[in-house]
Protein backbone atom coordinates (compact mmCIF):
# COMPACT_ATOMS: atom_id res chain seq x y z
CA MET A 1 -0.03 0.16 0.07
CA LYS A 2 1.20 3.50 -0.78
CA LYS A 3 1.31 5.78 1.98
CA LEU A 4 1.64 9.58 2.43
CA ILE A 5 1.56 11.28 5.92
CA ILE A 6 0.35 14.80 5.20
CA LYS A 7 2.38 17.37 6.78
CA PHE A 8 1.25 20.54 5.30
CA SER A 9 -2.52 21.34 5.90
CA ILE A 10 -2.65 23.77 3.16
CA SER A 11 -2.24 21.24 0.05
CA LEU A 12 -4.20 18.70 2.13
CA PHE A 13 -7.23 18.18 -0.03
CA PHE A 14 -5.52 18.86 -3.42
CA LEU A 15 -3.52 16.13 -2.72
CA ILE A 16 -6.14 13.56 -1.86
CA LYS A 17 -8.11 15.19 -4.91
CA ALA A 18 -5.37 14.34 -7.07
CA GLY A 19 -5.35 10.43 -5.72
CA TYR A 20 -1.89 10.74 -4.50
CA ALA A 21 -2.73 8.93 -1.16
CA GLU A 22 -4.52 5.79 -0.26
CA GLU A 23 -3.83 6.63 3.27
CA PHE A 24 -4.65 9.51 5.03
CA ILE A 25 -3.92 10.80 8.49
CA ILE A 26 -5.62 13.21 10.83
CA ASP A 27 -2.91 14.54 13.28
CA ASP A 28 -1.88 17.53 15.18
CA SER A 29 -0.64 19.53 11.93
CA ASN A 30 -4.14 19.14 9.95
CA VAL A 31 -7.11 18.52 12.84
CA VAL A 32 -8.08 22.12 12.89
CA LEU A 33 -8.36 22.38 9.32
CA CYS A 34 -10.65 19.02 8.81
CA GLU A 35 -12.58 20.20 11.68
CA GLY A 36 -12.90 23.83 10.07
CA ILE A 37 -14.18 21.70 6.56
CA ALA A 38 -16.67 19.55 8.74
CA LYS A 39 -18.55 22.13 10.45
CA ARG A 40 -18.53 24.67 7.10
CA TYR A 41 -20.07 21.05 5.23
CA HIS A 42 -22.70 20.67 8.28
CA ASP A 43 -23.63 24.40 8.06
CA TYR A 44 -23.57 24.16 3.77
CA GLU A 45 -25.97 20.95 4.40
CA GLU A 46 -28.46 22.52 6.89
CA LYS A 47 -28.57 25.74 4.48
CA HIS A 48 -29.44 23.46 1.66
CA LYS A 49 -32.06 21.82 3.29
CA GLU A 50 -33.79 24.76 4.78
CA LEU A 51 -34.03 25.92 1.23
CA ILE A 52 -35.65 22.80 -0.08
CA ASN A 53 -37.96 22.71 2.43
CA SER A 54 -38.86 26.33 2.08
CA GLN A 55 -42.58 26.81 0.61
CA GLN A 56 -41.30 28.45 -2.76
CA PRO A 57 -42.67 28.63 -6.01
CA ARG A 58 -40.35 25.58 -7.72
CA SER A 59 -38.77 28.12 -10.33
CA ASP A 60 -37.98 30.33 -7.81
CA LEU A 61 -36.52 27.66 -5.51
CA ILE A 62 -34.40 25.94 -8.44
CA TYR A 63 -32.96 29.42 -9.10
CA LYS A 64 -32.01 29.88 -5.34
CA ILE A 65 -30.24 26.36 -4.94
CA ASN A 66 -28.33 27.10 -8.09
CA TYR A 67 -27.52 30.11 -6.61
CA PHE A 68 -26.43 29.04 -3.69
CA SER A 69 -24.45 25.95 -5.04
CA TYR A 70 -22.41 27.95 -6.83
CA ASP A 71 -21.77 31.37 -4.81
CA GLU A 72 -23.36 31.79 -1.65
CA ARG A 73 -21.60 28.44 -0.27
CA LEU A 74 -18.19 30.13 -1.01
CA LYS A 75 -19.41 31.98 2.26
CA TYR A 76 -18.83 28.61 4.02
CA PHE A 77 -15.88 26.97 2.12
CA SER A 78 -11.96 28.59 1.34
CA PRO A 79 -10.76 27.69 -2.09
CA ASN A 80 -7.93 25.08 0.09
CA ASP A 81 -11.38 22.98 1.00
CA SER A 82 -11.28 22.14 -2.72
CA ILE A 83 -15.10 23.06 -2.53
CA LEU A 84 -15.53 19.92 -1.35
CA ASN A 85 -14.96 17.54 -3.99
CA LYS A 86 -15.40 13.67 -2.77
CA LYS A 87 -11.93 12.51 -1.51
CA ASN A 88 -11.70 9.46 -3.68
CA GLY A 89 -9.27 6.79 -3.63
CA VAL A 90 -8.38 7.14 0.34
CA THR A 91 -8.64 3.44 1.65
CA SER A 92 -7.11 3.98 4.74
CA LEU A 93 -7.90 6.40 7.74
CA VAL A 94 -5.94 7.02 10.67
CA VAL A 95 -7.35 9.17 13.36
CA LYS A 96 -4.49 10.34 15.78
CA GLU A 97 -6.43 13.41 17.29
CA PRO A 98 -10.02 13.50 18.56
CA LEU A 99 -12.62 14.61 15.91
CA SER A 100 -15.96 16.61 17.09
CA LYS A 101 -19.12 14.67 16.19
CA ILE A 102 -19.96 17.04 13.25
CA ALA A 103 -16.27 15.61 11.70
CA LEU A 104 -17.29 12.09 12.48
CA THR A 105 -20.62 12.78 10.79
CA SER A 106 -18.84 13.64 7.42
CA LEU A 107 -16.67 10.83 7.14
CA ASP A 108 -18.62 8.99 4.66
CA TYR A 109 -18.78 12.25 2.59
CA PHE A 110 -15.20 13.13 2.56
CA PHE A 111 -13.57 9.63 2.30
CA PRO A 112 -16.18 7.43 0.34
CA ASP A 113 -14.06 4.79 -0.52
CA ILE A 114 -12.95 4.30 2.92
CA LYS A 115 -12.17 0.60 3.96
CA GLU A 116 -9.86 0.57 6.74
CA ILE A 117 -10.17 3.07 10.18
CA THR A 118 -7.88 3.30 13.00
CA PHE A 119 -8.84 5.36 16.27
CA GLU A 120 -5.54 5.65 17.89
CA THR A 121 -5.61 5.94 21.66
CA HIS A 122 -8.26 8.49 23.69
CA THR A 123 -9.30 9.49 20.14
CA ILE A 124 -13.07 8.47 20.45
CA ASN A 125 -15.35 7.36 23.23
CA ASP A 126 -19.05 5.90 23.71
CA ASN A 127 -20.26 9.61 23.51
CA PHE A 128 -18.62 10.25 20.12
CA ILE A 129 -18.54 6.66 18.22
CA THR A 130 -22.31 6.74 17.57
CA SER A 131 -21.87 9.86 15.56
CA ILE A 132 -19.77 7.81 12.49
CA PRO A 133 -22.23 7.29 9.55
CA LYS A 134 -22.83 4.04 7.87
CA LEU A 135 -19.41 3.12 6.05
CA PRO A 136 -20.70 0.18 4.12
CA ASN A 137 -17.15 -0.54 2.67
CA ILE A 138 -15.22 -0.53 5.61
CA THR A 139 -13.77 -4.16 6.43
CA LYS A 140 -11.16 -2.91 9.28
CA LEU A 141 -11.77 -1.50 12.35
CA ASN A 142 -9.35 -0.66 15.24
CA ILE A 143 -10.64 1.02 17.95
CA SER A 144 -7.92 0.00 20.74
CA SER A 145 -7.17 1.90 24.22
CA ASN A 146 -10.60 4.01 24.04
CA GLY A 147 -12.88 3.45 26.41
CA ILE A 148 -15.32 2.04 24.31
CA LYS A 149 -18.07 -0.06 26.30
CA THR A 150 -21.77 -1.04 25.98
CA VAL A 151 -22.74 1.97 24.01
CA GLY A 152 -19.75 1.16 21.54
CA ALA A 153 -19.95 -2.31 21.30
CA LYS A 154 -23.58 -2.27 20.36
CA PHE A 155 -23.24 0.28 17.64
CA ILE A 156 -20.26 -1.78 16.25
CA ALA A 157 -21.78 -4.67 16.16
CA GLU A 158 -25.23 -2.99 14.70
CA ASN A 159 -23.50 -1.07 12.39
CA PHE A 160 -20.21 -2.89 11.05
CA CYS A 161 -21.45 -6.01 9.79
CA SER A 162 -19.18 -6.56 6.94
CA LEU A 163 -15.73 -6.26 9.18
CA THR A 164 -13.19 -9.14 8.84
CA GLU A 165 -11.01 -7.24 11.24
CA LEU A 166 -11.44 -6.09 14.55
CA ASN A 167 -9.16 -4.71 17.29
CA VAL A 168 -11.33 -3.65 20.38
CA SER A 169 -8.38 -4.29 22.69
CA SER A 170 -7.80 -2.57 26.44
CA ASN A 171 -11.31 -1.25 26.26
CA ARG A 172 -13.85 -1.90 29.17
CA LEU A 173 -15.55 -4.46 27.61
CA GLY A 174 -17.41 -7.01 30.00
CA ASN A 175 -18.92 -10.41 29.09
CA ASP A 176 -22.37 -8.46 27.63
CA ASP A 177 -20.45 -6.44 25.29
CA VAL A 178 -19.06 -9.05 23.66
CA ARG A 179 -22.01 -10.83 23.15
CA TYR A 180 -23.09 -7.77 20.95
CA ILE A 181 -20.31 -8.44 18.67
CA VAL A 182 -20.06 -11.81 18.28
CA GLU A 183 -23.71 -12.21 17.62
CA ASN A 184 -23.46 -9.59 14.81
CA LEU A 185 -20.16 -9.57 13.12
CA HIS A 186 -20.00 -13.00 11.60
CA CYS A 187 -17.57 -12.12 8.86
CA LEU A 188 -14.80 -11.61 11.40
CA THR A 189 -11.49 -13.52 10.26
CA LYS A 190 -8.97 -11.47 13.00
CA LEU A 191 -10.12 -10.36 16.35
CA ASP A 192 -8.05 -8.72 19.01
CA ILE A 193 -10.05 -8.52 22.22
CA SER A 194 -7.23 -8.59 25.11
CA SER A 195 -7.23 -6.87 27.86
CA ASN A 196 -10.81 -6.52 28.77
CA ASN A 197 -12.72 -8.42 31.20
CA ILE A 198 -13.47 -11.44 29.66
CA GLU A 199 -13.89 -15.00 31.34
CA ALA A 200 -14.38 -18.39 30.10
CA GLU A 201 -18.04 -18.23 29.57
CA GLU A 202 -17.78 -15.64 26.48
CA ILE A 203 -14.84 -17.38 24.90
CA TYR A 204 -17.56 -20.13 24.68
CA LEU A 205 -19.76 -17.64 22.87
CA ILE A 206 -16.50 -16.34 20.26
CA ALA A 207 -15.46 -19.97 19.68
CA GLU A 208 -19.42 -21.06 18.77
CA LYS A 209 -20.09 -18.06 16.75
CA LEU A 210 -16.75 -17.08 15.00
CA SER A 211 -15.57 -20.03 13.63
CA ASN A 212 -14.32 -18.80 10.78
CA LEU A 213 -11.37 -17.02 12.41
CA THR A 214 -7.85 -17.46 11.67
CA GLU A 215 -6.41 -14.89 14.19
CA LEU A 216 -6.96 -14.43 17.78
CA ASN A 217 -5.58 -12.38 20.51
CA ILE A 218 -7.38 -12.74 23.79
CA SER A 219 -4.16 -12.19 25.94
CA MET A 220 -4.62 -10.56 29.39
CA ASN A 221 -8.27 -11.51 29.88
CA LYS A 222 -9.36 -14.37 32.59
CA ILE A 223 -10.24 -17.38 30.34
CA GLY A 224 -8.24 -20.13 32.27
CA ASP A 225 -7.64 -23.82 30.99
CA GLU A 226 -11.75 -24.09 30.58
CA GLY A 227 -11.72 -21.06 27.90
CA ALA A 228 -8.85 -22.57 26.18
CA ARG A 229 -10.36 -25.79 25.98
CA PHE A 230 -13.50 -23.80 24.15
CA ILE A 231 -11.13 -22.09 21.84
CA ALA A 232 -9.18 -25.49 20.83
CA GLU A 233 -12.19 -27.37 20.09
CA ASN A 234 -14.20 -25.04 17.79
CA LEU A 235 -11.48 -22.49 16.28
CA HIS A 236 -9.70 -25.12 13.84
CA HIS A 237 -9.16 -22.20 11.53
CA LEU A 238 -6.87 -20.55 13.69
CA THR A 239 -2.99 -19.85 12.61
CA LYS A 240 -2.37 -17.19 15.15
CA LEU A 241 -3.30 -17.28 18.79
CA ASP A 242 -2.16 -15.16 21.58
CA ILE A 243 -3.53 -16.43 24.90
CA SER A 244 -0.80 -14.94 27.16
CA GLU A 245 -1.52 -14.08 30.83
CA ASN A 246 -4.72 -15.85 31.22
CA ASN A 247 -4.04 -18.20 34.16
CA ILE A 248 -3.94 -21.28 31.78
CA GLY A 249 -1.84 -24.41 32.87
CA ASP A 250 -0.53 -28.11 31.40
CA ALA A 251 -4.26 -28.87 30.67
CA GLY A 252 -5.01 -26.11 29.06
CA ALA A 253 -1.76 -25.98 26.95
CA GLU A 254 -2.91 -29.84 25.89
CA PHE A 255 -6.30 -28.74 24.56
CA ILE A 256 -4.69 -26.09 22.38
CA ALA A 257 -1.82 -28.61 21.12
CA LYS A 258 -3.83 -31.44 20.30
CA ASN A 259 -6.69 -29.43 18.18
CA LEU A 260 -5.15 -26.34 16.83
CA SER A 261 -2.83 -28.12 14.49
CA ASN A 262 -2.82 -25.10 11.76
CA LEU A 263 -1.05 -22.92 14.17
CA THR A 264 2.08 -20.94 12.71
CA GLU A 265 2.26 -18.20 16.00
CA LEU A 266 1.38 -19.14 19.50
CA ASN A 267 1.96 -16.84 22.32
CA ILE A 268 0.89 -18.47 25.54
CA SER A 269 3.61 -16.12 27.54
CA MET A 270 2.73 -15.39 31.00
CA ASN A 271 0.67 -18.47 32.02
CA LYS A 272 1.45 -21.52 34.53
CA ILE A 273 2.57 -23.88 31.77
CA GLY A 274 5.50 -26.29 32.93
CA ASP A 275 7.69 -28.68 31.17
CA GLU A 276 4.88 -30.97 30.60
CA GLY A 277 2.86 -28.03 28.74
CA ALA A 278 6.21 -27.50 26.77
CA LYS A 279 5.84 -31.13 25.99
CA PHE A 280 2.54 -30.99 24.36
CA ILE A 281 3.02 -27.89 22.27
CA ALA A 282 6.36 -29.61 20.87
CA GLU A 283 4.68 -32.83 20.00
CA ASN A 284 1.83 -31.41 18.06
CA LEU A 285 2.33 -28.01 16.59
CA HIS A 286 4.89 -28.69 14.27
CA HIS A 287 4.02 -26.07 12.19
CA LEU A 288 4.95 -23.08 14.74
CA THR A 289 7.29 -20.48 13.28
CA GLU A 290 6.98 -18.15 16.20
CA LEU A 291 6.58 -19.33 20.03
CA ASP A 292 6.24 -17.19 23.21
CA VAL A 293 6.47 -19.19 26.38
CA SER A 294 8.28 -16.89 28.11
CA ARG A 295 7.38 -16.13 32.01
CA ASN A 296 6.23 -19.97 32.48
CA ASN A 297 8.01 -22.75 34.73
CA ILE A 298 10.05 -24.10 31.90
CA GLY A 299 13.13 -25.73 32.47
CA ASP A 300 16.21 -27.43 30.39
CA GLU A 301 13.62 -30.47 29.72
CA GLY A 302 10.86 -28.48 28.37
CA VAL A 303 13.10 -26.30 26.19
CA THR A 304 14.70 -29.71 24.81
CA PHE A 305 11.15 -31.04 23.79
CA ILE A 306 10.76 -27.77 21.86
CA ALA A 307 14.24 -27.70 20.34
CA GLU A 308 13.79 -31.21 19.23
CA ASN A 309 10.34 -31.00 17.44
CA LEU A 310 10.24 -27.63 16.04
CA SER A 311 12.58 -27.18 13.94
CA ASN A 312 10.57 -24.32 11.62
CA LEU A 313 11.01 -21.86 14.34
CA THR A 314 12.36 -18.53 13.22
CA LYS A 315 11.58 -16.54 16.89
CA LEU A 316 11.23 -17.83 20.14
CA ASN A 317 10.98 -16.72 23.29
CA VAL A 318 11.99 -18.39 26.48
CA SER A 319 12.56 -15.44 28.75
CA THR A 320 12.22 -15.69 32.31
CA ASN A 321 11.92 -19.61 32.98
CA LYS A 322 14.35 -22.00 34.54
CA ILE A 323 17.09 -22.61 31.52
CA GLY A 324 20.74 -23.12 32.15
CA GLN A 325 23.32 -23.82 29.71
CA ASP A 326 22.36 -27.45 28.62
CA GLY A 327 19.04 -26.08 27.50
CA ALA A 328 21.06 -23.26 25.21
CA LYS A 329 22.97 -26.01 24.02
CA ILE A 330 20.06 -27.86 22.91
CA ILE A 331 18.47 -24.70 21.49
CA ALA A 332 21.70 -23.87 19.63
CA LYS A 333 21.95 -27.56 18.35
CA ASN A 334 18.37 -27.64 16.98
CA LEU A 335 16.64 -24.40 15.91
CA VAL A 336 19.28 -23.30 13.56
CA ARG A 337 16.49 -21.38 11.60
CA LEU A 338 16.20 -18.87 14.47
CA THR A 339 16.51 -15.06 13.60
CA GLU A 340 15.15 -13.67 16.79
CA ILE A 341 15.61 -15.48 20.10
CA TYR A 342 14.95 -13.93 23.71
CA ILE A 343 16.32 -15.82 26.59
CA SER A 344 16.54 -13.27 29.38
CA GLN A 345 16.58 -13.73 32.97
CA ASN A 346 17.27 -17.14 32.52
CA ASN A 347 20.80 -19.12 34.03
CA ILE A 348 22.93 -19.81 31.01
CA GLY A 349 25.78 -18.18 31.60
CA ASP A 350 29.19 -17.71 28.92
CA GLU A 351 29.00 -21.08 27.96
CA GLY A 352 25.31 -20.81 27.11
CA ALA A 353 25.91 -17.75 25.37
CA GLY A 354 28.60 -19.33 23.40
CA PHE A 355 26.56 -22.33 22.21
CA ILE A 356 23.94 -19.53 20.77
CA ALA A 357 26.81 -17.43 19.21
CA GLU A 358 28.73 -20.17 17.70
CA LYS A 359 25.53 -22.08 16.12
CA LEU A 360 22.64 -19.77 15.77
CA PHE A 361 24.17 -17.49 12.44
CA ASN A 362 21.04 -16.20 11.40
CA LEU A 363 20.35 -13.98 14.31
CA THR A 364 19.19 -10.55 13.78
CA LYS A 365 17.84 -10.27 17.48
CA LEU A 366 19.38 -11.33 20.50
CA TYR A 367 17.95 -10.65 24.16
CA ILE A 368 20.00 -12.33 26.43
CA ALA A 369 19.74 -9.90 29.87
CA PHE A 370 20.17 -11.36 33.26
CA ASN A 371 22.23 -14.44 32.44
CA GLN A 372 25.77 -13.81 34.27
CA ILE A 373 27.54 -13.54 30.96
CA THR A 374 30.88 -11.97 31.32
CA GLN A 375 33.20 -10.39 29.06
CA GLU A 376 33.95 -13.78 27.42
CA GLY A 377 30.57 -14.34 26.53
CA ALA A 378 30.19 -10.96 24.99
CA LYS A 379 33.77 -11.38 22.82
CA VAL A 380 31.92 -14.61 21.51
CA ILE A 381 28.56 -13.00 20.90
CA ALA A 382 30.45 -10.20 18.97
CA LYS A 383 32.86 -12.37 16.92
CA ASN A 384 30.25 -14.59 15.70
CA LEU A 385 26.76 -12.64 14.94
CA SER A 386 27.80 -9.73 12.87
CA ASN A 387 23.96 -9.77 11.31
CA LEU A 388 22.67 -8.66 14.97
CA THR A 389 20.76 -5.67 14.41
CA GLU A 390 19.31 -5.65 18.16
CA LEU A 391 21.25 -6.68 20.88
CA ASP A 392 19.92 -6.60 24.51
CA ILE A 393 23.05 -8.29 27.04
CA SER A 394 21.91 -5.83 29.57
CA TYR A 395 22.36 -6.81 33.58
CA ASN A 396 25.24 -8.78 33.05
CA LEU A 397 29.14 -8.80 34.13
CA ILE A 398 30.51 -7.64 30.57
CA SER A 399 32.69 -4.88 31.73
CA ASP A 400 34.71 -2.53 29.38
CA GLU A 401 35.84 -5.52 27.53
CA GLY A 402 32.89 -6.60 26.35
CA ALA A 403 31.59 -3.21 25.44
CA LYS A 404 34.53 -2.71 23.11
CA ALA A 405 34.30 -6.36 21.47
CA ILE A 406 30.72 -5.46 20.71
CA MET A 407 31.44 -2.12 19.19
CA LYS A 408 34.52 -3.67 16.95
CA THR A 409 32.40 -6.13 15.27
CA LEU A 410 28.62 -5.36 15.44
CA PHE A 411 28.42 -2.72 12.65
CA LYS A 412 24.63 -3.35 11.88
CA LEU A 413 23.39 -2.65 15.24
CA ILE A 414 20.05 -0.22 15.43
CA GLY A 415 19.24 -1.12 18.96
CA LEU A 416 21.55 -2.00 21.88
CA ASN A 417 21.53 -2.30 25.80
CA VAL A 418 24.22 -2.91 27.66
CA GLU A 419 23.58 -1.14 30.94
CA ARG A 420 23.85 -2.46 34.66
CA ASN A 421 27.17 -4.09 33.29
CA GLY A 422 29.95 -2.52 35.30
CA ILE A 423 30.70 -0.15 32.55
CA GLY A 424 33.29 2.32 33.19
CA ASP A 425 32.46 6.28 33.45
CA GLU A 426 34.02 6.92 29.81
CA GLN A 427 32.83 3.92 28.14
CA PRO A 428 29.17 4.81 27.71
CA ILE A 429 30.41 8.21 25.86
CA GLU A 430 32.49 6.06 23.40
CA ILE A 431 29.37 4.12 22.90
CA MET A 432 27.16 6.45 22.34
CA GLU A 433 29.57 8.26 19.51
CA HIS A 434 30.62 4.98 17.87
CA PHE A 435 27.00 3.76 17.53
CA SER A 436 25.50 7.29 16.65
CA ASN A 437 22.85 6.07 14.26
CA LEU A 438 21.05 3.86 17.18
CA ALA A 439 17.48 3.99 17.55
CA TRP A 440 17.81 3.37 21.08
CA LEU A 441 20.61 2.63 23.51
CA GLY A 442 21.01 1.78 27.08
CA VAL A 443 24.25 2.23 28.83
CA GLY A 444 25.68 2.84 32.52
CA GLY A 445 25.04 1.44 35.79
CA PRO A 446 26.78 -1.03 38.07
CA SER A 447 26.75 -4.78 37.11
CA VAL A 448 24.75 -7.08 38.62
CA THR A 449 26.09 -10.03 40.56
CA LYS A 450 23.46 -11.95 41.69
CA THR A 451 21.46 -14.16 39.31
CA TRP A 452 17.51 -13.76 38.10
CA ASP A 453 16.52 -16.44 40.69
CA GLU A 454 18.22 -15.29 43.41
CA LEU A 455 16.59 -11.92 43.02
CA ASN A 456 13.12 -12.98 43.15
CA MET A 457 13.81 -15.27 46.15
C-alpha cells in the first residue's frame, strides 16, 4: 500500500483529490483544518435543506438552490477546501487526534472509498462513536484503548456488519458487550479482544459464533483452562493465537496443542505451563514458526522438547524461565533457523551464550539480559553474530572489555542495551559516539552479580 503522511495542511485536500494518497492521517498538523471543513460542510447542508423545505414556487426555488450552490457556498468554504470534491482513492484513515461529532458524521462524504479506520488511543469513546455514519465498505476497524463500553460495542455490532478485522483491545468490555459483537459480526477472520474483562463463558460464545477466525488475540483476560478448551475445540482455522496472561496451565496447553494443528504463531506466555505443557506444544504443533513461552515454569527438559520437535521456528521467546546452559546448548544445536531469540532472565552463563553465538548464525535479534554473562561471553557473541541488528545484554558482567568487543564488530546494530554491566564512566560516551545511528541505546550502571533467581527469592 502506498502511504502519504500529510504534514502541510494547505495542500491537504488537493493531494487527496488528485488521488496521490491511499492512506490519510488526521494528526495535530491538520485536525483544525479538517474540523473547519467539516463544520462548514455541516452548515452548508443545513442551509441547503432549509431551502428545499421552504414554501417557494418551484422555479424560484431552483434558481436559489443553483445560486447557493455556486456562489453563496463560498461563504462556507475556502479555495483550500477544494470546494468539497469527494476524496476518492483514500482507503485507509488513521485518526490521531479527537474529532468532533460533526466531523465524524462527515466521514462518509469526505472518504467515500474508505475501507480501514484506526482510532488511536483516546481519540473516541462511547459518547462520540455513535456519530460515525454508515460506512458500507469498512472491513477493518481498530478502536483499541479508547474506553469503549456497552454503547460502543453495540454500535459497532449493529453498524459494521462487513468487518473482517476488529481490534477492541484495552477497552472496558465485559461479558455482555462481547455478546453484541460475536452475535452480529459473522464475517470476522481476525479479532483482538485482549486486555478486557472476558471470562471462559464468553469465550464459548466467541468460539461457537466466530468459527472462521484465523487470528485471535485474547491475552490478558481471565479465561483459564476452560476457556482454552473452548477455543481449541471450535476454532480449527486459527493460524495465530495470543492467549498470554490468562491463568492457563498444562491442561490448557494440552487442549490447544492437540486441536489447533494449523497454528504458525502461538503466544502462551505469562501462564502456568511447565515442562509438561511445553511437551504437548512441541509434540503437536509442528507448523509453528513463532513461539512465546516466556514467564512460565519451563526448564531445560521443556526446552529440549521444543528444540527437538519444532525445527521450523524462526522466533523463540523463552525469557524468565529456568533454563541453564544445557537448555541453551540444545536450542543452539537444533533450532538453526532462528532469526530472533529472547532468553533473558535465565541462567545460561558464558557457556550457554557461546553455544548460541557459535551455532545460530542467522540471528538478527538477541535478548540475553540477566544471564551471568561476562566479557568472555560478550566476545564470542561479537565474533560470531555479525548480522545482529538488536542486542540486549544488559544486567550482566561484560565490563569495558565486552563493550569494546561489541563496538568492534557489530556494525549493523540499530538497538543496543548494555546497561548495568559494570562499564566504566568513559565507556558509555564512547559507545554513544560509536553507534550514533542507533534507534535505541541503554548504557551505564553497575553490574548485577546475583542471578535472576536469587533476586526473586
